[in-house]
Amino acid sequence: MCRLKNKNVNLKQRVIGFTLIEMIVVLLVGALLLAWGVPNYRDFKVRKEVSLVVNEAVYSFNLARAEAIRYGADVQVRVNGGGWEDGWEIWSLDADGNDNQQLFEQQALSDISMSQTGGLAGRLQFNRLGALVDGAVSFEADNDNPVADSLRNIQISPSGSVRVVTP
């Protein structure tokens, strides 16, 4: 019996842990994962911001088109300030083309640039059938600090249908 007690005492005194080399290897692997992951996360965040803004714009354009059909009157989407980055408003128009009722307002966009090609700069107008009054229009949206694959295009056909294109 005495021998068994001595063996157990020796096992309890054994140090359990990890060596300095094992700790350095773990820290090195962690540093490599961080060095690889942080830039990818930043790029992912930029692409996500652009996608959110593009989805908000598509929602607004589809809302304007749907309200034009619903009210049977022209509906206009126009910028709040100097450009689409400053946000936009959706207004229903009366028979004389004057503002009737504000339907929606989008706040200013942060770190995103949007440029319009086609139509009258700074506005879109849908007629009572949901078609664009000024013909086809496209938008280009990107982050002010662009990364690979962050550019998005929004195309609105003369019939008023909206789609997002990744160039």
N, C-alpha and C. Protein backbone atom coordinates (compact mmCIF):
# COMPACT_ATOMS: atom_id res chain seq x y z
N MET A 1 0.80 -1.19 0.00
CA MET A 1 0.00 0.00 0.00
C MET A 1 0.86 1.27 0.00
N CYS A 2 1.96 1.21 0.66
CA CYS A 2 2.81 2.39 0.73
C CYS A 2 3.34 2.78 -0.62
N ARG A 3 3.64 1.82 -1.43
CA ARG A 3 4.16 2.11 -2.76
C ARG A 3 3.13 2.86 -3.61
N LEU A 4 1.89 2.49 -3.53
CA LEU A 4 0.86 3.16 -4.31
C LEU A 4 0.72 4.62 -3.90
N LYS A 5 0.82 4.89 -2.66
CA LYS A 5 0.73 6.28 -2.22
C LYS A 5 1.88 7.11 -2.78
N ASN A 6 3.07 6.54 -2.83
CA ASN A 6 4.22 7.28 -3.35
C ASN A 6 4.05 7.56 -4.85
N LYS A 7 3.50 6.60 -5.58
CA LYS A 7 3.28 6.82 -7.02
C LYS A 7 2.27 7.94 -7.25
N ASN A 8 1.21 7.96 -6.47
CA ASN A 8 0.20 9.00 -6.63
C ASN A 8 0.76 10.37 -6.29
N VAL A 9 1.60 10.45 -5.31
CA VAL A 9 2.21 11.71 -4.93
C VAL A 9 3.09 12.23 -6.07
N ASN A 10 3.83 11.34 -6.71
CA ASN A 10 4.68 11.74 -7.82
C ASN A 10 3.87 12.24 -9.01
N LEU A 11 2.72 11.62 -9.28
CA LEU A 11 1.88 12.07 -10.39
C LEU A 11 1.28 13.44 -10.11
N LYS A 12 0.90 13.69 -8.88
CA LYS A 12 0.32 14.98 -8.54
C LYS A 12 1.34 16.10 -8.63
N GLN A 13 2.59 15.80 -8.45
CA GLN A 13 3.62 16.82 -8.49
C GLN A 13 4.06 17.17 -9.91
N ARG A 14 3.63 16.39 -10.87
CA ARG A 14 4.01 16.64 -12.26
C ARG A 14 3.34 17.95 -12.73
N VAL A 15 4.09 18.80 -13.40
CA VAL A 15 3.58 20.08 -13.87
C VAL A 15 2.87 19.86 -15.21
N ILE A 16 1.63 20.38 -15.29
CA ILE A 16 0.86 20.25 -16.53
C ILE A 16 0.72 21.66 -17.11
N GLY A 17 0.99 21.85 -18.39
CA GLY A 17 0.90 23.15 -19.02
C GLY A 17 1.46 23.08 -20.43
N PHE A 18 1.96 24.20 -20.93
CA PHE A 18 2.52 24.23 -22.27
C PHE A 18 3.87 24.93 -22.22
N THR A 19 4.66 24.65 -23.23
CA THR A 19 6.01 25.20 -23.26
C THR A 19 6.00 26.56 -23.94
N LEU A 20 7.09 27.24 -23.80
CA LEU A 20 7.25 28.55 -24.42
C LEU A 20 7.17 28.44 -25.94
N ILE A 21 7.72 27.41 -26.51
CA ILE A 21 7.68 27.21 -27.97
C ILE A 21 6.24 27.01 -28.43
N GLU A 22 5.47 26.23 -27.70
CA GLU A 22 4.06 26.03 -28.06
C GLU A 22 3.30 27.35 -28.02
N MET A 23 3.56 28.17 -27.03
CA MET A 23 2.89 29.47 -26.93
C MET A 23 3.28 30.38 -28.09
N ILE A 24 4.54 30.38 -28.47
CA ILE A 24 4.99 31.22 -29.59
C ILE A 24 4.33 30.76 -30.89
N VAL A 25 4.23 29.46 -31.10
CA VAL A 25 3.59 28.93 -32.31
C VAL A 25 2.12 29.36 -32.35
N VAL A 26 1.42 29.27 -31.24
CA VAL A 26 0.01 29.68 -31.19
C VAL A 26 -0.13 31.17 -31.48
N LEU A 27 0.72 32.00 -30.89
CA LEU A 27 0.68 33.44 -31.15
C LEU A 27 0.99 33.76 -32.61
N LEU A 28 1.93 33.04 -33.20
CA LEU A 28 2.28 33.25 -34.60
C LEU A 28 1.10 32.90 -35.52
N VAL A 29 0.46 31.78 -35.25
CA VAL A 29 -0.71 31.39 -36.06
C VAL A 29 -1.83 32.42 -35.90
N GLY A 30 -2.06 32.89 -34.67
CA GLY A 30 -3.08 33.92 -34.44
C GLY A 30 -2.76 35.21 -35.17
N ALA A 31 -1.50 35.63 -35.15
CA ALA A 31 -1.10 36.85 -35.86
C ALA A 31 -1.29 36.72 -37.36
N LEU A 32 -0.98 35.55 -37.91
CA LEU A 32 -1.18 35.33 -39.34
C LEU A 32 -2.66 35.38 -39.70
N LEU A 33 -3.51 34.79 -38.88
CA LEU A 33 -4.95 34.84 -39.14
C LEU A 33 -5.48 36.27 -39.08
N LEU A 34 -5.01 37.06 -38.13
CA LEU A 34 -5.42 38.46 -38.04
C LEU A 34 -4.93 39.26 -39.24
N ALA A 35 -3.68 39.04 -39.63
CA ALA A 35 -3.12 39.77 -40.78
C ALA A 35 -3.88 39.46 -42.05
N TRP A 36 -4.39 38.26 -42.18
CA TRP A 36 -5.16 37.88 -43.36
C TRP A 36 -6.61 38.33 -43.24
N GLY A 37 -7.18 38.28 -42.05
CA GLY A 37 -8.61 38.53 -41.87
C GLY A 37 -9.02 39.98 -41.81
N VAL A 38 -8.21 40.85 -41.21
CA VAL A 38 -8.61 42.25 -41.03
C VAL A 38 -8.82 42.97 -42.36
N PRO A 39 -7.90 42.89 -43.33
CA PRO A 39 -8.17 43.55 -44.62
C PRO A 39 -9.40 42.97 -45.33
N ASN A 40 -9.58 41.67 -45.26
CA ASN A 40 -10.76 41.07 -45.89
C ASN A 40 -12.03 41.55 -45.22
N TYR A 41 -12.02 41.72 -43.92
CA TYR A 41 -13.19 42.21 -43.21
C TYR A 41 -13.49 43.64 -43.62
N ARG A 42 -12.46 44.48 -43.77
CA ARG A 42 -12.65 45.87 -44.19
C ARG A 42 -13.27 45.92 -45.58
N ASP A 43 -12.75 45.10 -46.51
CA ASP A 43 -13.31 45.06 -47.86
C ASP A 43 -14.76 44.57 -47.83
N PHE A 44 -15.04 43.57 -47.03
CA PHE A 44 -16.40 43.06 -46.89
C PHE A 44 -17.34 44.15 -46.38
N LYS A 45 -16.88 44.93 -45.41
CA LYS A 45 -17.69 46.00 -44.85
C LYS A 45 -17.99 47.08 -45.89
N VAL A 46 -17.01 47.44 -46.69
CA VAL A 46 -17.20 48.45 -47.74
C VAL A 46 -18.21 47.95 -48.77
N ARG A 47 -18.05 46.70 -49.22
CA ARG A 47 -19.00 46.14 -50.20
C ARG A 47 -20.41 46.08 -49.62
N LYS A 48 -20.53 45.76 -48.35
CA LYS A 48 -21.84 45.68 -47.69
C LYS A 48 -22.48 47.07 -47.61
N GLU A 49 -21.71 48.11 -47.30
CA GLU A 49 -22.24 49.47 -47.25
C GLU A 49 -22.78 49.89 -48.62
N VAL A 50 -22.03 49.60 -49.67
CA VAL A 50 -22.47 49.95 -51.02
C VAL A 50 -23.76 49.18 -51.36
N SER A 51 -23.80 47.91 -51.02
CA SER A 51 -25.00 47.11 -51.30
C SER A 51 -26.21 47.63 -50.55
N LEU A 52 -26.03 48.06 -49.31
CA LEU A 52 -27.16 48.61 -48.55
C LEU A 52 -27.70 49.88 -49.18
N VAL A 53 -26.80 50.76 -49.63
CA VAL A 53 -27.24 52.00 -50.26
C VAL A 53 -27.93 51.71 -51.59
N VAL A 54 -27.39 50.80 -52.37
CA VAL A 54 -28.00 50.44 -53.65
C VAL A 54 -29.39 49.84 -53.41
N ASN A 55 -29.51 48.97 -52.42
CA ASN A 55 -30.82 48.38 -52.11
C ASN A 55 -31.82 49.45 -51.68
N GLU A 56 -31.37 50.44 -50.93
CA GLU A 56 -32.25 51.53 -50.51
C GLU A 56 -32.70 52.35 -51.73
N ALA A 57 -31.79 52.60 -52.66
CA ALA A 57 -32.14 53.34 -53.87
C ALA A 57 -33.12 52.54 -54.72
N VAL A 58 -32.88 51.25 -54.88
CA VAL A 58 -33.79 50.40 -55.66
C VAL A 58 -35.18 50.39 -55.01
N TYR A 59 -35.22 50.28 -53.69
CA TYR A 59 -36.49 50.34 -52.97
C TYR A 59 -37.21 51.65 -53.27
N SER A 60 -36.48 52.76 -53.20
CA SER A 60 -37.09 54.08 -53.44
C SER A 60 -37.63 54.20 -54.86
N PHE A 61 -36.86 53.73 -55.84
CA PHE A 61 -37.30 53.84 -57.23
C PHE A 61 -38.52 52.95 -57.48
N ASN A 62 -38.51 51.75 -56.91
CA ASN A 62 -39.68 50.87 -57.05
C ASN A 62 -40.90 51.43 -56.33
N LEU A 63 -40.68 52.07 -55.17
CA LEU A 63 -41.78 52.71 -54.45
C LEU A 63 -42.38 53.83 -55.28
N ALA A 64 -41.53 54.66 -55.88
CA ALA A 64 -42.02 55.77 -56.70
C ALA A 64 -42.83 55.25 -57.88
N ARG A 65 -42.34 54.22 -58.51
CA ARG A 65 -43.07 53.63 -59.65
C ARG A 65 -44.41 53.06 -59.22
N ALA A 66 -44.42 52.32 -58.10
CA ALA A 66 -45.66 51.73 -57.61
C ALA A 66 -46.68 52.80 -57.20
N GLU A 67 -46.20 53.87 -56.58
CA GLU A 67 -47.12 54.94 -56.17
C GLU A 67 -47.66 55.70 -57.38
N ALA A 68 -46.86 55.83 -58.43
CA ALA A 68 -47.35 56.48 -59.65
C ALA A 68 -48.51 55.68 -60.24
N ILE A 69 -48.36 54.37 -60.25
CA ILE A 69 -49.44 53.51 -60.76
C ILE A 69 -50.63 53.57 -59.82
N ARG A 70 -50.37 53.52 -58.52
CA ARG A 70 -51.45 53.52 -57.52
C ARG A 70 -52.27 54.81 -57.57
N TYR A 71 -51.58 55.97 -57.60
CA TYR A 71 -52.28 57.26 -57.61
C TYR A 71 -52.79 57.64 -59.00
N GLY A 72 -52.26 57.01 -60.03
CA GLY A 72 -52.64 57.39 -61.39
C GLY A 72 -52.14 58.78 -61.73
N ALA A 73 -51.01 59.15 -61.17
CA ALA A 73 -50.43 60.48 -61.39
C ALA A 73 -48.91 60.35 -61.46
N ASP A 74 -48.26 61.38 -61.97
CA ASP A 74 -46.81 61.36 -62.04
C ASP A 74 -46.22 61.44 -60.63
N VAL A 75 -45.11 60.71 -60.44
CA VAL A 75 -44.37 60.74 -59.18
C VAL A 75 -42.92 61.03 -59.51
N GLN A 76 -42.33 61.91 -58.72
CA GLN A 76 -40.97 62.35 -59.01
C GLN A 76 -40.03 61.99 -57.85
N VAL A 77 -38.84 61.52 -58.19
CA VAL A 77 -37.77 61.29 -57.23
C VAL A 77 -36.72 62.34 -57.54
N ARG A 78 -36.32 63.11 -56.53
CA ARG A 78 -35.33 64.16 -56.77
C ARG A 78 -34.40 64.31 -55.58
N VAL A 79 -33.21 64.80 -55.87
CA VAL A 79 -32.17 64.93 -54.85
C VAL A 79 -32.54 66.01 -53.84
N ASN A 80 -32.05 65.85 -52.62
CA ASN A 80 -32.27 66.85 -51.56
C ASN A 80 -31.35 68.04 -51.72
N GLY A 81 -30.14 67.82 -52.15
CA GLY A 81 -29.15 68.89 -52.24
C GLY A 81 -28.48 68.89 -53.59
N GLY A 82 -27.15 68.88 -53.56
CA GLY A 82 -26.38 68.95 -54.79
C GLY A 82 -26.27 67.65 -55.56
N GLY A 83 -26.39 66.52 -54.88
CA GLY A 83 -26.25 65.24 -55.55
C GLY A 83 -27.01 64.15 -54.83
N TRP A 84 -27.01 62.97 -55.41
CA TRP A 84 -27.74 61.84 -54.82
C TRP A 84 -27.17 61.45 -53.47
N GLU A 85 -25.88 61.78 -53.21
CA GLU A 85 -25.27 61.48 -51.91
C GLU A 85 -25.95 62.24 -50.78
N ASP A 86 -26.59 63.36 -51.11
CA ASP A 86 -27.25 64.20 -50.10
C ASP A 86 -28.64 63.68 -49.75
N GLY A 87 -29.03 62.55 -50.32
CA GLY A 87 -30.35 61.98 -50.08
C GLY A 87 -31.34 62.40 -51.16
N TRP A 88 -32.56 61.89 -51.07
CA TRP A 88 -33.57 62.20 -52.07
C TRP A 88 -34.96 62.16 -51.46
N GLU A 89 -35.89 62.73 -52.20
CA GLU A 89 -37.29 62.76 -51.79
C GLU A 89 -38.15 62.21 -52.92
N ILE A 90 -39.29 61.64 -52.54
CA ILE A 90 -40.27 61.18 -53.52
C ILE A 90 -41.53 62.00 -53.32
N TRP A 91 -42.00 62.63 -54.40
CA TRP A 91 -43.18 63.48 -54.36
C TRP A 91 -44.19 63.02 -55.41
N SER A 92 -45.46 63.01 -55.03
CA SER A 92 -46.50 62.83 -56.03
C SER A 92 -46.81 64.22 -56.60
N LEU A 93 -47.12 64.27 -57.88
CA LEU A 93 -47.38 65.54 -58.56
C LEU A 93 -48.86 65.64 -58.92
N ASP A 94 -49.37 66.85 -58.89
CA ASP A 94 -50.77 67.04 -59.29
C ASP A 94 -50.84 67.16 -60.82
N ALA A 95 -52.02 67.42 -61.34
CA ALA A 95 -52.22 67.48 -62.79
C ALA A 95 -51.40 68.58 -63.46
N ASP A 96 -51.08 69.63 -62.71
CA ASP A 96 -50.30 70.74 -63.27
C ASP A 96 -48.79 70.52 -63.15
N GLY A 97 -48.37 69.41 -62.52
CA GLY A 97 -46.95 69.12 -62.36
C GLY A 97 -46.36 69.72 -61.10
N ASN A 98 -47.20 70.25 -60.22
CA ASN A 98 -46.72 70.82 -58.96
C ASN A 98 -46.70 69.74 -57.88
N ASP A 99 -45.88 69.98 -56.85
CA ASP A 99 -45.80 69.03 -55.75
C ASP A 99 -47.16 68.89 -55.07
N ASN A 100 -47.55 67.64 -54.83
CA ASN A 100 -48.82 67.38 -54.17
C ASN A 100 -48.60 66.85 -52.76
N GLN A 101 -47.84 65.74 -52.65
CA GLN A 101 -47.62 65.11 -51.35
C GLN A 101 -46.26 64.44 -51.33
N GLN A 102 -45.53 64.64 -50.22
CA GLN A 102 -44.25 63.95 -50.08
C GLN A 102 -44.52 62.53 -49.60
N LEU A 103 -43.95 61.55 -50.32
CA LEU A 103 -44.19 60.15 -50.01
C LEU A 103 -43.04 59.50 -49.23
N PHE A 104 -41.83 60.00 -49.42
CA PHE A 104 -40.67 59.36 -48.81
C PHE A 104 -39.51 60.33 -48.81
N GLU A 105 -38.63 60.21 -47.80
CA GLU A 105 -37.41 61.01 -47.78
C GLU A 105 -36.25 60.14 -47.33
N GLN A 106 -35.20 60.11 -48.12
CA GLN A 106 -33.97 59.37 -47.80
C GLN A 106 -32.94 60.34 -47.27
N GLN A 107 -32.33 60.00 -46.16
CA GLN A 107 -31.30 60.84 -45.56
C GLN A 107 -30.01 60.76 -46.39
N ALA A 108 -29.08 61.64 -46.08
CA ALA A 108 -27.80 61.69 -46.79
C ALA A 108 -27.03 60.37 -46.61
N LEU A 109 -26.27 60.02 -47.62
CA LEU A 109 -25.48 58.79 -47.61
C LEU A 109 -24.09 59.10 -47.09
N SER A 110 -23.55 58.23 -46.26
CA SER A 110 -22.20 58.46 -45.74
C SER A 110 -21.19 57.61 -46.51
N ASP A 111 -20.14 58.25 -46.95
CA ASP A 111 -19.02 57.59 -47.63
C ASP A 111 -19.39 56.89 -48.93
N ILE A 112 -20.53 57.20 -49.51
CA ILE A 112 -20.96 56.57 -50.76
C ILE A 112 -21.17 57.68 -51.80
N SER A 113 -20.71 57.43 -53.00
CA SER A 113 -20.95 58.38 -54.09
C SER A 113 -21.88 57.72 -55.11
N MET A 114 -22.86 58.49 -55.57
CA MET A 114 -23.81 58.01 -56.60
C MET A 114 -23.85 59.02 -57.72
N SER A 115 -23.69 58.54 -58.93
CA SER A 115 -23.77 59.44 -60.08
C SER A 115 -24.83 58.92 -61.05
N GLN A 116 -25.52 59.85 -61.69
CA GLN A 116 -26.62 59.53 -62.60
C GLN A 116 -26.18 59.75 -64.03
N THR A 117 -26.60 58.84 -64.90
CA THR A 117 -26.37 58.98 -66.34
C THR A 117 -27.71 58.86 -67.03
N GLY A 118 -28.04 59.81 -67.87
CA GLY A 118 -29.31 59.80 -68.58
C GLY A 118 -30.38 60.54 -67.80
N GLY A 119 -31.44 60.91 -68.50
CA GLY A 119 -32.52 61.65 -67.86
C GLY A 119 -32.07 63.04 -67.46
N LEU A 120 -32.92 63.73 -66.72
CA LEU A 120 -32.56 65.04 -66.20
C LEU A 120 -31.77 64.86 -64.92
N ALA A 121 -30.64 65.53 -64.81
CA ALA A 121 -29.76 65.36 -63.64
C ALA A 121 -30.50 65.69 -62.35
N GLY A 122 -30.40 64.78 -61.41
CA GLY A 122 -30.96 65.03 -60.09
C GLY A 122 -32.42 64.70 -59.94
N ARG A 123 -33.03 64.07 -60.94
CA ARG A 123 -34.44 63.71 -60.77
C ARG A 123 -34.84 62.58 -61.70
N LEU A 124 -35.87 61.86 -61.28
CA LEU A 124 -36.53 60.83 -62.09
C LEU A 124 -38.01 61.09 -61.99
N GLN A 125 -38.72 60.84 -63.06
CA GLN A 125 -40.17 61.02 -63.01
C GLN A 125 -40.85 59.82 -63.66
N PHE A 126 -41.75 59.20 -62.90
CA PHE A 126 -42.54 58.07 -63.38
C PHE A 126 -43.94 58.58 -63.72
N ASN A 127 -44.48 58.15 -64.87
CA ASN A 127 -45.83 58.55 -65.23
C ASN A 127 -46.86 57.61 -64.60
N ARG A 128 -48.14 57.84 -64.86
CA ARG A 128 -49.20 57.07 -64.21
C ARG A 128 -49.21 55.59 -64.60
N LEU A 129 -48.46 55.24 -65.66
CA LEU A 129 -48.34 53.84 -66.07
C LEU A 129 -47.07 53.19 -65.50
N GLY A 130 -46.26 53.95 -64.76
CA GLY A 130 -45.04 53.43 -64.15
C GLY A 130 -43.82 53.53 -65.03
N ALA A 131 -43.93 54.17 -66.19
CA ALA A 131 -42.79 54.31 -67.09
C ALA A 131 -42.03 55.60 -66.77
N LEU A 132 -40.75 55.62 -67.12
CA LEU A 132 -39.95 56.83 -66.94
C LEU A 132 -40.34 57.85 -67.99
N VAL A 133 -40.47 59.09 -67.58
CA VAL A 133 -40.83 60.16 -68.51
C VAL A 133 -39.64 60.52 -69.40
N ASP A 134 -38.42 60.48 -68.84
CA ASP A 134 -37.24 60.96 -69.57
C ASP A 134 -36.41 59.85 -70.21
N GLY A 135 -36.93 58.66 -70.35
CA GLY A 135 -36.18 57.56 -70.95
C GLY A 135 -35.30 56.84 -69.95
N ALA A 136 -34.43 55.98 -70.44
CA ALA A 136 -33.59 55.13 -69.59
C ALA A 136 -32.61 55.97 -68.76
N VAL A 137 -32.39 55.50 -67.54
CA VAL A 137 -31.46 56.16 -66.62
C VAL A 137 -30.63 55.08 -65.94
N SER A 138 -29.37 55.40 -65.65
CA SER A 138 -28.55 54.48 -64.87
C SER A 138 -27.80 55.25 -63.79
N PHE A 139 -27.48 54.54 -62.73
CA PHE A 139 -26.75 55.10 -61.60
C PHE A 139 -25.53 54.24 -61.35
N GLU A 140 -24.48 54.88 -60.88
CA GLU A 140 -23.27 54.17 -60.48
C GLU A 140 -23.01 54.52 -59.03
N ALA A 141 -22.90 53.51 -58.18
CA ALA A 141 -22.67 53.72 -56.74
C ALA A 141 -21.39 53.02 -56.33
N ASP A 142 -20.59 53.72 -55.53
CA ASP A 142 -19.36 53.14 -55.01
C ASP A 142 -18.98 53.87 -53.73
N ASN A 143 -18.11 53.25 -52.96
CA ASN A 143 -17.61 53.86 -51.74
C ASN A 143 -16.59 54.92 -52.11
N ASP A 144 -16.44 55.93 -51.25
CA ASP A 144 -15.44 56.97 -51.51
C ASP A 144 -14.02 56.41 -51.46
N ASN A 145 -13.83 55.32 -50.72
CA ASN A 145 -12.55 54.60 -50.68
C ASN A 145 -12.79 53.23 -51.29
N PRO A 146 -12.89 53.14 -52.61
CA PRO A 146 -13.34 51.89 -53.24
C PRO A 146 -12.37 50.74 -53.03
N VAL A 147 -12.96 49.56 -52.99
CA VAL A 147 -12.21 48.31 -52.95
C VAL A 147 -12.65 47.47 -54.14
N ALA A 148 -11.99 46.37 -54.36
CA ALA A 148 -12.34 45.51 -55.48
C ALA A 148 -13.77 45.02 -55.36
N ASP A 149 -14.49 45.03 -56.45
CA ASP A 149 -15.86 44.52 -56.55
C ASP A 149 -16.89 45.30 -55.72
N SER A 150 -16.63 46.55 -55.39
CA SER A 150 -17.62 47.31 -54.61
C SER A 150 -18.53 48.15 -55.49
N LEU A 151 -18.16 48.38 -56.75
CA LEU A 151 -18.96 49.21 -57.66
C LEU A 151 -20.25 48.49 -58.03
N ARG A 152 -21.38 49.21 -57.99
CA ARG A 152 -22.68 48.68 -58.39
C ARG A 152 -23.37 49.67 -59.33
N ASN A 153 -24.07 49.13 -60.32
CA ASN A 153 -24.84 49.94 -61.25
C ASN A 153 -26.32 49.63 -61.08
N ILE A 154 -27.13 50.69 -61.10
CA ILE A 154 -28.59 50.54 -61.09
C ILE A 154 -29.07 51.01 -62.45
N GLN A 155 -29.82 50.16 -63.13
CA GLN A 155 -30.35 50.53 -64.44
C GLN A 155 -31.87 50.57 -64.37
N ILE A 156 -32.43 51.66 -64.88
CA ILE A 156 -33.88 51.81 -64.94
C ILE A 156 -34.25 51.94 -66.41
N SER A 157 -35.03 51.00 -66.89
CA SER A 157 -35.41 50.99 -68.31
C SER A 157 -36.50 52.02 -68.56
N PRO A 158 -36.76 52.37 -69.82
CA PRO A 158 -37.85 53.31 -70.12
C PRO A 158 -39.20 52.84 -69.60
N SER A 159 -39.39 51.54 -69.46
CA SER A 159 -40.67 51.04 -68.92
C SER A 159 -40.78 51.21 -67.42
N GLY A 160 -39.64 51.56 -66.75
CA GLY A 160 -39.64 51.82 -65.33
C GLY A 160 -39.12 50.67 -64.48
N SER A 161 -38.78 49.54 -65.10
CA SER A 161 -38.27 48.43 -64.30
C SER A 161 -36.84 48.73 -63.84
N VAL A 162 -36.54 48.34 -62.61
CA VAL A 162 -35.26 48.66 -61.98
C VAL A 162 -34.49 47.36 -61.77
N ARG A 163 -33.19 47.39 -62.07
CA ARG A 163 -32.36 46.22 -61.80
C ARG A 163 -30.95 46.68 -61.42
N VAL A 164 -30.28 45.84 -60.65
CA VAL A 164 -28.92 46.12 -60.20
C VAL A 164 -27.97 45.26 -61.02
N VAL A 165 -26.89 45.87 -61.47
CA VAL A 165 -25.90 45.19 -62.30
C VAL A 165 -24.54 45.35 -61.63
N THR A 166 -23.82 44.25 -61.54
CA THR A 166 -22.44 44.30 -61.04
C THR A 166 -21.51 44.32 -62.24
N PRO A 167 -20.80 45.44 -62.44
CA PRO A 167 -19.94 45.53 -63.63
C PRO A 167 -18.77 44.58 -63.58
